[in-house]
Amino acid sequence: MPELPEVEVVRRGLEAHVTDRELAAVDVLHARAVRRHVAGAGDLSDRLAGRVLRRPQRRGKYLWVPLDSLEGPGEALVVHLGMSGQLLVQDPAAPDERHLRVRLRFADGGPELRFVDQRTFGGVALVPTGADGVPVIVEHIARDLLDPLEDDAAVARALRAKRTQLKRALLDQTLVSGIGNIYADEALWRAQLHWARPTDRLSRGDALAVLGAAREVMVEALDQGGTSFDALYVNVNGQSGYFDRSLAAYGQEGRPCPRCGTLVVRDPFMGRSSFSCPHCQRPPRGWRREVPARARESVRG
């Protein structure tokens, strides 16, 4: 799933192409893509026609485009990319993509915006906004590490007050948003902290260090267009990011740690994987690496 850098790359692309443009029509080609808009596809299309899109915004992995103000509460078009969602700026004459779900056409007749989603886990919805302009379905999400109003000291205190593993806390979007599996592993590697480290045993310095490392790695990823492992994540022009070439830990099982040369290991984690250097990121006392069942069977044999 796209994390903060990937979503920010898309937001910047949208800002350059859709800000202050009037919608002529919205075509919903797959109902699942608008399932979060409870009034249905027809209502979404009717309510968007003639509206003007304003400067796209983001918090963590959530992206939204505010609409011109009408009487009553503000509204925004919220986009969640899910596992494979793409927002593409295309010439109206360009052939439809195979997995095109929603098309936004503009009154100026210029490039249109297309929501393409192979797995249909993502979607779009028209959502009311609160007094601060944040969509109500995003208000529970914490500020992210690129938000100028985010407070590292407060997040560090909250992190240390939890009784969980460090990586689980970093993935908690109500604590700090935008960090997913990739950038959590990279931040932990940079801070030389093990993913299973108990948060209530974490020093203030270590808590601040891992937050700083997460910010650092996401800024670097943003400068390289994000991390792309396949063709599913692209920017609005259909181009892939290349930060995957700079990864030190995530997905590097069996390769030498760039810092010490020890081979990176993979551990099962919440149905996914966690990658770390067993030398640089010493596990907490009492923690034992889980041996996969297939490996246990091969040893017995």
C-alpha atoms as a PDB file:
ATOM      1  CA  MET A   1       0.000   0.000   0.000  1.00  0.00           C
ATOM      2  CA  PRO A   2       1.341   3.487  -0.829  1.00  0.00           C
ATOM      3  CA  GLU A   3       2.764   5.254   2.203  1.00  0.00           C
ATOM      4  CA  LEU A   4       3.275   8.968   2.878  1.00  0.00           C
ATOM      5  CA  PRO A   5       5.963   9.673   0.224  1.00  0.00           C
ATOM      6  CA  GLU A   6       4.011   7.949  -2.534  1.00  0.00           C
ATOM      7  CA  VAL A   7       0.761   9.746  -1.661  1.00  0.00           C
ATOM      8  CA  GLU A   8       2.587  13.087  -1.419  1.00  0.00           C
ATOM      9  CA  VAL A   9       4.083  12.549  -4.890  1.00  0.00           C
ATOM     10  CA  VAL A  10       0.554  12.048  -6.213  1.00  0.00           C
ATOM     11  CA  ARG A  11      -0.730  15.093  -4.314  1.00  0.00           C
ATOM     12  CA  ARG A  12       1.944  17.314  -5.836  1.00  0.00           C
ATOM     13  CA  GLY A  13       1.094  16.055  -9.290  1.00  0.00           C
ATOM     14  CA  LEU A  14      -2.591  16.753  -8.737  1.00  0.00           C
ATOM     15  CA  GLU A  15      -1.833  20.232  -7.440  1.00  0.00           C
ATOM     16  CA  ALA A  16      -0.163  21.096 -10.719  1.00  0.00           C
ATOM     17  CA  HIS A  17      -2.990  19.726 -12.875  1.00  0.00           C
ATOM     18  CA  VAL A  18      -6.385  20.130 -11.158  1.00  0.00           C
ATOM     19  CA  THR A  19      -6.242  23.143  -8.838  1.00  0.00           C
ATOM     20  CA  ASP A  20      -8.995  25.686  -9.624  1.00  0.00           C
ATOM     21  CA  ARG A  21     -10.435  23.693 -12.533  1.00  0.00           C
ATOM     22  CA  GLU A  22     -14.188  23.233 -12.931  1.00  0.00           C
ATOM     23  CA  LEU A  23     -15.604  19.735 -13.333  1.00  0.00           C
ATOM     24  CA  ALA A  24     -17.883  19.195 -16.312  1.00  0.00           C
ATOM     25  CA  ALA A  25     -18.845  15.591 -15.548  1.00  0.00           C
ATOM     26  CA  VAL A  26     -17.836  12.574 -13.488  1.00  0.00           C
ATOM     27  CA  ASP A  27     -18.279   9.100 -14.961  1.00  0.00           C
ATOM     28  CA  VAL A  28     -18.358   6.207 -12.496  1.00  0.00           C
ATOM     29  CA  LEU A  29     -17.454   3.031 -14.387  1.00  0.00           C
ATOM     30  CA  HIS A  30     -17.339   0.655 -11.423  1.00  0.00           C
ATOM     31  CA  ALA A  31     -19.660   1.006  -8.419  1.00  0.00           C
ATOM     32  CA  ARG A  32     -17.142  -0.507  -6.001  1.00  0.00           C
ATOM     33  CA  ALA A  33     -14.847   2.459  -6.559  1.00  0.00           C
ATOM     34  CA  VAL A  34     -17.427   4.760  -4.919  1.00  0.00           C
ATOM     35  CA  ARG A  35     -18.718   2.348  -2.272  1.00  0.00           C
ATOM     36  CA  ARG A  36     -17.685   4.756   0.497  1.00  0.00           C
ATOM     37  CA  HIS A  37     -20.078   7.343  -0.962  1.00  0.00           C
ATOM     38  CA  VAL A  38     -23.190   5.866   0.599  1.00  0.00           C
ATOM     39  CA  ALA A  39     -25.646   7.805  -1.600  1.00  0.00           C
ATOM     40  CA  GLY A  40     -24.344   5.996  -4.663  1.00  0.00           C
ATOM     41  CA  ALA A  41     -22.626   6.686  -7.967  1.00  0.00           C
ATOM     42  CA  GLY A  42     -25.420   8.816  -9.452  1.00  0.00           C
ATOM     43  CA  ASP A  43     -25.460  11.135  -6.453  1.00  0.00           C
ATOM     44  CA  LEU A  44     -21.683  11.527  -6.556  1.00  0.00           C
ATOM     45  CA  SER A  45     -21.718  12.440 -10.254  1.00  0.00           C
ATOM     46  CA  ASP A  46     -24.611  14.891  -9.882  1.00  0.00           C
ATOM     47  CA  ARG A  47     -23.078  16.677  -6.910  1.00  0.00           C
ATOM     48  CA  LEU A  48     -19.634  17.029  -8.484  1.00  0.00           C
ATOM     49  CA  ALA A  49     -20.709  18.394 -11.874  1.00  0.00           C
ATOM     50  CA  GLY A  50     -20.007  22.125 -12.045  1.00  0.00           C
ATOM     51  CA  ARG A  51     -17.897  22.179  -8.874  1.00  0.00           C
ATOM     52  CA  VAL A  52     -14.401  23.685  -8.804  1.00  0.00           C
ATOM     53  CA  LEU A  53     -11.504  21.680  -7.379  1.00  0.00           C
ATOM     54  CA  ARG A  54      -9.183  23.526  -5.026  1.00  0.00           C
ATOM     55  CA  ARG A  55      -5.609  22.760  -3.901  1.00  0.00           C
ATOM     56  CA  PRO A  56      -5.215  19.034  -3.025  1.00  0.00           C
ATOM     57  CA  GLN A  57      -4.400  18.218   0.599  1.00  0.00           C
ATOM     58  CA  ARG A  58      -2.967  15.197   2.428  1.00  0.00           C
ATOM     59  CA  ARG A  59      -2.652  13.783   5.915  1.00  0.00           C
ATOM     60  CA  GLY A  60      -0.637  10.599   6.253  1.00  0.00           C
ATOM     61  CA  LYS A  61      -1.834   8.253   3.524  1.00  0.00           C
ATOM     62  CA  TYR A  62      -5.140  10.101   3.023  1.00  0.00           C
ATOM     63  CA  LEU A  63      -5.559  12.456   0.073  1.00  0.00           C
ATOM     64  CA  TRP A  64      -8.404  14.867  -0.580  1.00  0.00           C
ATOM     65  CA  VAL A  65      -9.339  17.708  -2.913  1.00  0.00           C
ATOM     66  CA  PRO A  66     -11.428  20.503  -1.337  1.00  0.00           C
ATOM     67  CA  LEU A  67     -14.316  21.814  -3.425  1.00  0.00           C
ATOM     68  CA  ASP A  68     -15.469  25.363  -3.975  1.00  0.00           C
ATOM     69  CA  SER A  69     -17.610  26.575  -1.088  1.00  0.00           C
ATOM     70  CA  LEU A  70     -21.371  26.369  -1.333  1.00  0.00           C
ATOM     71  CA  GLU A  71     -23.927  27.254   1.291  1.00  0.00           C
ATOM     72  CA  GLY A  72     -23.591  24.976   4.302  1.00  0.00           C
ATOM     73  CA  PRO A  73     -20.605  22.866   5.403  1.00  0.00           C
ATOM     74  CA  GLY A  74     -17.538  22.446   3.225  1.00  0.00           C
ATOM     75  CA  GLU A  75     -16.956  19.312   1.186  1.00  0.00           C
ATOM     76  CA  ALA A  76     -13.977  17.462  -0.244  1.00  0.00           C
ATOM     77  CA  LEU A  77     -13.392  14.632  -2.674  1.00  0.00           C
ATOM     78  CA  VAL A  78     -11.494  12.049  -0.623  1.00  0.00           C
ATOM     79  CA  VAL A  79      -9.316   9.537  -2.472  1.00  0.00           C
ATOM     80  CA  HIS A  80      -7.881   6.411  -0.900  1.00  0.00           C
ATOM     81  CA  LEU A  81      -5.444   4.597  -3.187  1.00  0.00           C
ATOM     82  CA  GLY A  82      -5.700   1.261  -1.372  1.00  0.00           C
ATOM     83  CA  MET A  83      -3.309  -1.388  -2.683  1.00  0.00           C
ATOM     84  CA  SER A  84      -3.350  -0.510  -6.379  1.00  0.00           C
ATOM     85  CA  GLY A  85      -5.175   2.794  -6.900  1.00  0.00           C
ATOM     86  CA  GLN A  86      -3.733   5.302  -9.358  1.00  0.00           C
ATOM     87  CA  LEU A  87      -4.704   8.874 -10.210  1.00  0.00           C
ATOM     88  CA  LEU A  88      -3.637   9.593 -13.790  1.00  0.00           C
ATOM     89  CA  VAL A  89      -3.789  12.834 -15.754  1.00  0.00           C
ATOM     90  CA  GLN A  90      -4.648  11.867 -19.323  1.00  0.00           C
ATOM     91  CA  ASP A  91      -5.524  13.445 -22.628  1.00  0.00           C
ATOM     92  CA  PRO A  92      -9.289  12.951 -23.185  1.00  0.00           C
ATOM     93  CA  ALA A  93      -8.462  11.169 -26.456  1.00  0.00           C
ATOM     94  CA  ALA A  94      -6.222   8.591 -24.756  1.00  0.00           C
ATOM     95  CA  PRO A  95      -7.621   5.038 -24.697  1.00  0.00           C
ATOM     96  CA  ASP A  96      -9.273   3.923 -21.471  1.00  0.00           C
ATOM     97  CA  GLU A  97      -7.074   1.977 -19.091  1.00  0.00           C
ATOM     98  CA  ARG A  98      -8.118  -1.625 -18.489  1.00  0.00           C
ATOM     99  CA  HIS A  99      -8.975  -0.943 -14.846  1.00  0.00           C
ATOM    100  CA  LEU A 100     -10.403   2.555 -15.221  1.00  0.00           C
ATOM    101  CA  ARG A 101     -12.990   3.082 -12.445  1.00  0.00           C
ATOM    102  CA  VAL A 102     -13.805   6.808 -12.354  1.00  0.00           C
ATOM    103  CA  ARG A 103     -13.253   9.558 -14.931  1.00  0.00           C
ATOM    104  CA  LEU A 104     -13.318  13.282 -14.051  1.00  0.00           C
ATOM    105  CA  ARG A 105     -13.822  15.540 -17.076  1.00  0.00           C
ATOM    106  CA  PHE A 106     -13.228  19.289 -16.945  1.00  0.00           C
ATOM    107  CA  ALA A 107     -15.117  22.237 -18.385  1.00  0.00           C
ATOM    108  CA  ASP A 108     -12.001  23.604 -20.094  1.00  0.00           C
ATOM    109  CA  GLY A 109     -11.749  20.471 -22.257  1.00  0.00           C
ATOM    110  CA  GLY A 110      -8.171  19.892 -21.101  1.00  0.00           C
ATOM    111  CA  PRO A 111      -6.534  16.797 -19.592  1.00  0.00           C
ATOM    112  CA  GLU A 112      -8.930  14.673 -17.547  1.00  0.00           C
ATOM    113  CA  LEU A 113      -8.282  12.896 -14.251  1.00  0.00           C
ATOM    114  CA  ARG A 114      -8.734   9.133 -14.111  1.00  0.00           C
ATOM    115  CA  PHE A 115      -8.926   6.850 -11.087  1.00  0.00           C
ATOM    116  CA  VAL A 116      -7.552   3.437 -12.068  1.00  0.00           C
ATOM    117  CA  ASP A 117      -7.601   0.556  -9.599  1.00  0.00           C
ATOM    118  CA  GLN A 118      -6.803  -3.032 -10.504  1.00  0.00           C
ATOM    119  CA  ARG A 119      -7.811  -4.587  -7.183  1.00  0.00           C
ATOM    120  CA  THR A 120     -10.607  -2.095  -6.333  1.00  0.00           C
ATOM    121  CA  PHE A 121      -9.502  -1.781  -2.688  1.00  0.00           C
ATOM    122  CA  GLY A 122      -9.279   1.997  -3.057  1.00  0.00           C
ATOM    123  CA  GLY A 123     -12.005   4.467  -3.892  1.00  0.00           C
ATOM    124  CA  VAL A 124     -13.360   8.014  -3.927  1.00  0.00           C
ATOM    125  CA  ALA A 125     -16.127   9.689  -1.927  1.00  0.00           C
ATOM    126  CA  LEU A 126     -17.611  13.144  -1.417  1.00  0.00           C
ATOM    127  CA  VAL A 127     -17.241  13.915   2.284  1.00  0.00           C
ATOM    128  CA  PRO A 128     -18.128  16.908   4.498  1.00  0.00           C
ATOM    129  CA  THR A 129     -15.216  18.728   6.112  1.00  0.00           C
ATOM    130  CA  GLY A 130     -14.840  20.001   9.657  1.00  0.00           C
ATOM    131  CA  ALA A 131     -14.075  23.523  10.767  1.00  0.00           C
ATOM    132  CA  ASP A 132     -10.370  23.014  10.020  1.00  0.00           C
ATOM    133  CA  GLY A 133     -11.088  21.847   6.473  1.00  0.00           C
ATOM    134  CA  VAL A 134     -10.169  18.228   7.187  1.00  0.00           C
ATOM    135  CA  PRO A 135     -12.719  15.637   5.956  1.00  0.00           C
ATOM    136  CA  VAL A 136     -14.632  14.110   8.857  1.00  0.00           C
ATOM    137  CA  ILE A 137     -13.473  10.592   7.957  1.00  0.00           C
ATOM    138  CA  VAL A 138      -9.843  11.739   8.287  1.00  0.00           C
ATOM    139  CA  GLU A 139     -10.118  13.673  11.541  1.00  0.00           C
ATOM    140  CA  HIS A 140      -9.153  10.665  13.685  1.00  0.00           C
ATOM    141  CA  ILE A 141      -5.856  10.322  11.783  1.00  0.00           C
ATOM    142  CA  ALA A 142      -2.865  11.897  13.545  1.00  0.00           C
ATOM    143  CA  ARG A 143      -0.680  14.502  11.913  1.00  0.00           C
ATOM    144  CA  ASP A 144       2.267  13.093   9.983  1.00  0.00           C
ATOM    145  CA  LEU A 145       5.986  13.775  10.271  1.00  0.00           C
ATOM    146  CA  LEU A 146       5.995  16.238   7.352  1.00  0.00           C
ATOM    147  CA  ASP A 147       3.213  18.338   8.883  1.00  0.00           C
ATOM    148  CA  PRO A 148       4.689  21.576  10.289  1.00  0.00           C
ATOM    149  CA  LEU A 149       2.272  21.333  13.237  1.00  0.00           C
ATOM    150  CA  GLU A 150       3.352  17.789  14.203  1.00  0.00           C
ATOM    151  CA  ASP A 151       5.027  17.729  17.639  1.00  0.00           C
ATOM    152  CA  ASP A 152       7.827  15.144  17.956  1.00  0.00           C
ATOM    153  CA  ALA A 153       8.060  15.572  21.725  1.00  0.00           C
ATOM    154  CA  ALA A 154       4.337  14.892  22.192  1.00  0.00           C
ATOM    155  CA  VAL A 155       4.429  11.890  19.858  1.00  0.00           C
ATOM    156  CA  ALA A 156       7.483  10.519  21.680  1.00  0.00           C
ATOM    157  CA  ARG A 157       5.649  10.787  25.024  1.00  0.00           C
ATOM    158  CA  ALA A 158       2.605   9.029  23.613  1.00  0.00           C
ATOM    159  CA  LEU A 159       4.762   6.341  22.041  1.00  0.00           C
ATOM    160  CA  ARG A 160       6.575   5.624  25.321  1.00  0.00           C
ATOM    161  CA  ALA A 161       3.252   5.505  27.201  1.00  0.00           C
ATOM    162  CA  LYS A 162       2.075   2.576  25.087  1.00  0.00           C
ATOM    163  CA  ARG A 163       2.675  -1.042  26.050  1.00  0.00           C
ATOM    164  CA  THR A 164       3.398  -2.617  22.693  1.00  0.00           C
ATOM    165  CA  GLN A 165       6.214  -3.335  20.264  1.00  0.00           C
ATOM    166  CA  LEU A 166       7.927  -0.343  18.702  1.00  0.00           C
ATOM    167  CA  LYS A 167       7.020  -1.140  15.109  1.00  0.00           C
ATOM    168  CA  ARG A 168       3.368  -1.692  15.989  1.00  0.00           C
ATOM    169  CA  ALA A 169       3.339   1.770  17.549  1.00  0.00           C
ATOM    170  CA  LEU A 170       4.924   3.355  14.474  1.00  0.00           C
ATOM    171  CA  LEU A 171       2.192   1.836  12.308  1.00  0.00           C
ATOM    172  CA  ASP A 172      -0.569   3.213  14.565  1.00  0.00           C
ATOM    173  CA  GLN A 173      -2.072   5.974  12.427  1.00  0.00           C
ATOM    174  CA  THR A 174      -3.737   7.572  15.452  1.00  0.00           C
ATOM    175  CA  LEU A 175      -0.289   8.135  16.991  1.00  0.00           C
ATOM    176  CA  VAL A 176       1.581   9.420  13.942  1.00  0.00           C
ATOM    177  CA  SER A 177       0.324   8.939  10.400  1.00  0.00           C
ATOM    178  CA  GLY A 178       1.891   8.043   7.085  1.00  0.00           C
ATOM    179  CA  ILE A 179       4.371   5.387   8.242  1.00  0.00           C
ATOM    180  CA  GLY A 180       3.811   1.942   6.773  1.00  0.00           C
ATOM    181  CA  ASN A 181       5.774  -1.288   6.678  1.00  0.00           C
ATOM    182  CA  ILE A 182       8.511  -0.069   4.338  1.00  0.00           C
ATOM    183  CA  TYR A 183       9.424   3.165   6.081  1.00  0.00           C
ATOM    184  CA  ALA A 184       9.036   1.696   9.565  1.00  0.00           C
ATOM    185  CA  ASP A 185      11.712  -0.892   8.758  1.00  0.00           C
ATOM    186  CA  GLU A 186      13.980   1.732   7.209  1.00  0.00           C
ATOM    187  CA  ALA A 187      13.550   4.137  10.137  1.00  0.00           C
ATOM    188  CA  LEU A 188      14.248   1.395  12.682  1.00  0.00           C
ATOM    189  CA  TRP A 189      17.379   0.383  10.778  1.00  0.00           C
ATOM    190  CA  ARG A 190      18.636   3.973  10.739  1.00  0.00           C
ATOM    191  CA  ALA A 191      17.895   4.434  14.446  1.00  0.00           C
ATOM    192  CA  GLN A 192      19.482   1.003  15.194  1.00  0.00           C
ATOM    193  CA  LEU A 193      16.423  -0.149  17.103  1.00  0.00           C
ATOM    194  CA  HIS A 194      14.778  -3.582  16.907  1.00  0.00           C
ATOM    195  CA  TRP A 195      11.180  -3.697  15.737  1.00  0.00           C
ATOM    196  CA  ALA A 196      10.107  -5.759  18.800  1.00  0.00           C
ATOM    197  CA  ARG A 197      11.538  -3.308  21.330  1.00  0.00           C
ATOM    198  CA  PRO A 198       8.891  -2.622  24.030  1.00  0.00           C
ATOM    199  CA  THR A 199       7.775   0.997  23.784  1.00  0.00           C
ATOM    200  CA  ASP A 200       7.486   1.411  27.554  1.00  0.00           C
ATOM    201  CA  ARG A 201      11.197   0.626  27.871  1.00  0.00           C
ATOM    202  CA  LEU A 202      12.205   3.118  25.248  1.00  0.00           C
ATOM    203  CA  SER A 203      14.239   6.146  26.273  1.00  0.00           C
ATOM    204  CA  ARG A 204      13.109   9.607  25.239  1.00  0.00           C
ATOM    205  CA  GLY A 205      16.218   9.906  23.091  1.00  0.00           C
ATOM    206  CA  ASP A 206      15.507   6.661  21.242  1.00  0.00           C
ATOM    207  CA  ALA A 207      11.873   7.650  20.677  1.00  0.00           C
ATOM    208  CA  LEU A 208      12.916  10.979  19.186  1.00  0.00           C
ATOM    209  CA  ALA A 209      15.647   9.273  17.147  1.00  0.00           C
ATOM    210  CA  VAL A 210      13.280   6.855  15.429  1.00  0.00           C
ATOM    211  CA  LEU A 211      10.822   9.652  14.621  1.00  0.00           C
ATOM    212  CA  GLY A 212      13.651  11.709  13.186  1.00  0.00           C
ATOM    213  CA  ALA A 213      14.850   8.726  11.160  1.00  0.00           C
ATOM    214  CA  ALA A 214      11.348   8.120   9.795  1.00  0.00           C
ATOM    215  CA  ARG A 215      11.094  11.750   8.708  1.00  0.00           C
ATOM    216  CA  GLU A 216      14.545  11.611   7.128  1.00  0.00           C
ATOM    217  CA  VAL A 217      13.900   8.452   5.133  1.00  0.00           C
ATOM    218  CA  MET A 218      10.497   9.644   3.896  1.00  0.00           C
ATOM    219  CA  VAL A 219      11.946  12.963   2.716  1.00  0.00           C
ATOM    220  CA  GLU A 220      14.632  11.053   0.807  1.00  0.00           C
ATOM    221  CA  ALA A 221      12.015   8.738  -0.699  1.00  0.00           C
ATOM    222  CA  LEU A 222       9.893  11.724  -1.688  1.00  0.00           C
ATOM    223  CA  ASP A 223      12.854  13.238  -3.538  1.00  0.00           C
ATOM    224  CA  GLN A 224      13.134   9.998  -5.545  1.00  0.00           C
ATOM    225  CA  GLY A 225       9.452   9.774  -6.417  1.00  0.00           C
ATOM    226  CA  GLY A 226       8.601   7.188  -3.734  1.00  0.00           C
ATOM    227  CA  THR A 227       9.114   3.439  -3.656  1.00  0.00           C
ATOM    228  CA  SER A 228       7.831   1.281  -6.506  1.00  0.00           C
ATOM    229  CA  PHE A 229       8.110  -2.502  -6.483  1.00  0.00           C
ATOM    230  CA  ASP A 230       5.783  -3.014  -9.460  1.00  0.00           C
ATOM    231  CA  ALA A 231       3.725  -1.028 -11.948  1.00  0.00           C
ATOM    232  CA  LEU A 232       0.845  -0.478  -9.511  1.00  0.00           C
ATOM    233  CA  TYR A 233       2.312   2.605  -7.837  1.00  0.00           C
ATOM    234  CA  VAL A 234       2.920   5.501 -10.250  1.00  0.00           C
ATOM    235  CA  ASN A 235       2.630   9.272 -10.171  1.00  0.00           C
ATOM    236  CA  VAL A 236      -0.034  11.193 -12.104  1.00  0.00           C
ATOM    237  CA  ASN A 237       2.057  10.915 -15.274  1.00  0.00           C
ATOM    238  CA  GLY A 238       2.346   7.132 -14.973  1.00  0.00           C
ATOM    239  CA  GLN A 239       5.982   7.159 -13.821  1.00  0.00           C
ATOM    240  CA  SER A 240       7.388   4.926 -11.059  1.00  0.00           C
ATOM    241  CA  GLY A 241       9.527   6.051  -8.134  1.00  0.00           C
ATOM    242  CA  TYR A 242      12.970   4.563  -7.598  1.00  0.00           C
ATOM    243  CA  PHE A 243      13.663   4.719  -3.838  1.00  0.00           C
ATOM    244  CA  ASP A 244      13.571   0.913  -3.773  1.00  0.00           C
ATOM    245  CA  ARG A 245      17.174   1.090  -4.996  1.00  0.00           C
ATOM    246  CA  SER A 246      18.153   2.843  -1.740  1.00  0.00           C
ATOM    247  CA  LEU A 247      16.477   0.504   0.757  1.00  0.00           C
ATOM    248  CA  ALA A 248      18.819  -0.724   3.475  1.00  0.00           C
ATOM    249  CA  ALA A 249      16.534  -3.155   5.332  1.00  0.00           C
ATOM    250  CA  TYR A 250      13.076  -3.620   3.839  1.00  0.00           C
ATOM    251  CA  GLY A 251      13.028  -6.540   1.397  1.00  0.00           C
ATOM    252  CA  GLN A 252      16.782  -7.092   1.796  1.00  0.00           C
ATOM    253  CA  GLU A 253      16.695 -10.535   3.448  1.00  0.00           C
ATOM    254  CA  GLY A 254      19.983 -12.369   2.938  1.00  0.00           C
ATOM    255  CA  ARG A 255      21.831  -9.271   1.713  1.00  0.00           C
ATOM    256  CA  PRO A 256      24.618  -7.593   3.713  1.00  0.00           C
ATOM    257  CA  CYS A 257      23.667  -4.724   5.981  1.00  0.00           C
ATOM    258  CA  PRO A 258      25.087  -1.525   4.408  1.00  0.00           C
ATOM    259  CA  ARG A 259      26.416  -0.492   7.823  1.00  0.00           C
ATOM    260  CA  CYS A 260      28.098  -3.628   9.207  1.00  0.00           C
ATOM    261  CA  GLY A 261      27.882  -6.354   6.554  1.00  0.00           C
ATOM    262  CA  THR A 262      25.779  -8.775   8.630  1.00  0.00           C
ATOM    263  CA  LEU A 263      23.065 -10.462   6.568  1.00  0.00           C
ATOM    264  CA  VAL A 264      19.624  -8.874   6.932  1.00  0.00           C
ATOM    265  CA  VAL A 265      16.953 -11.204   8.358  1.00  0.00           C
ATOM    266  CA  ARG A 266      13.191 -11.377   7.923  1.00  0.00           C
ATOM    267  CA  ASP A 267      10.738 -12.026  10.756  1.00  0.00           C
ATOM    268  CA  PRO A 268       6.979 -12.661  10.530  1.00  0.00           C
ATOM    269  CA  PHE A 269       5.086  -9.573  11.635  1.00  0.00           C
ATOM    270  CA  MET A 270       1.303  -9.006  11.720  1.00  0.00           C
ATOM    271  CA  GLY A 271       0.755 -11.261   8.715  1.00  0.00           C
ATOM    272  CA  ARG A 272       3.534  -9.491   6.823  1.00  0.00           C
ATOM    273  CA  SER A 273       7.300  -9.265   7.320  1.00  0.00           C
ATOM    274  CA  SER A 274       9.779  -7.188   9.267  1.00  0.00           C
ATOM    275  CA  PHE A 275      13.371  -6.820   8.055  1.00  0.00           C
ATOM    276  CA  SER A 276      16.315  -5.927  10.285  1.00  0.00           C
ATOM    277  CA  CYS A 277      20.030  -6.326  10.870  1.00  0.00           C
ATOM    278  CA  PRO A 278      20.611  -8.770  13.776  1.00  0.00           C
ATOM    279  CA  HIS A 279      23.879  -7.034  14.658  1.00  0.00           C
ATOM    280  CA  CYS A 280      22.939  -3.336  14.411  1.00  0.00           C
ATOM    281  CA  GLN A 281      19.417  -3.815  15.755  1.00  0.00           C
ATOM    282  CA  ARG A 282      19.845  -5.999  18.799  1.00  0.00           C
ATOM    283  CA  PRO A 283      16.582  -7.665  19.879  1.00  0.00           C
ATOM    284  CA  PRO A 284      15.173  -6.961  23.339  1.00  0.00           C
ATOM    285  CA  ARG A 285      16.061  -9.259  26.212  1.00  0.00           C
ATOM    286  CA  GLY A 286      13.981 -12.414  26.226  1.00  0.00           C
ATOM    287  CA  TRP A 287      12.843 -12.083  22.614  1.00  0.00           C
ATOM    288  CA  ARG A 288      13.362 -15.130  20.406  1.00  0.00           C
ATOM    289  CA  ARG A 289      13.146 -15.239  16.638  1.00  0.00           C
ATOM    290  CA  GLU A 290      10.213 -17.307  15.403  1.00  0.00           C
ATOM    291  CA  VAL A 291      11.388 -20.181  13.216  1.00  0.00           C
ATOM    292  CA  PRO A 292       8.986 -20.818  10.304  1.00  0.00           C
ATOM    293  CA  ALA A 293       7.294 -24.227  10.338  1.00  0.00           C
ATOM    294  CA  ARG A 294       8.957 -25.281   7.065  1.00  0.00           C
ATOM    295  CA  ALA A 295      12.379 -24.522   8.483  1.00  0.00           C
ATOM    296  CA  ARG A 296      11.615 -26.569  11.638  1.00  0.00           C
ATOM    297  CA  GLU A 297      10.508 -29.512   9.512  1.00  0.00           C
ATOM    298  CA  SER A 298      13.683 -29.393   7.400  1.00  0.00           C
ATOM    299  CA  VAL A 299      15.832 -29.442  10.554  1.00  0.00           C
ATOM    300  CA  ARG A 300      13.942 -32.447  11.921  1.00  0.00           C
ATOM    301  CA  GLY A 301      14.325 -34.258   8.630  1.00  0.00           C
END
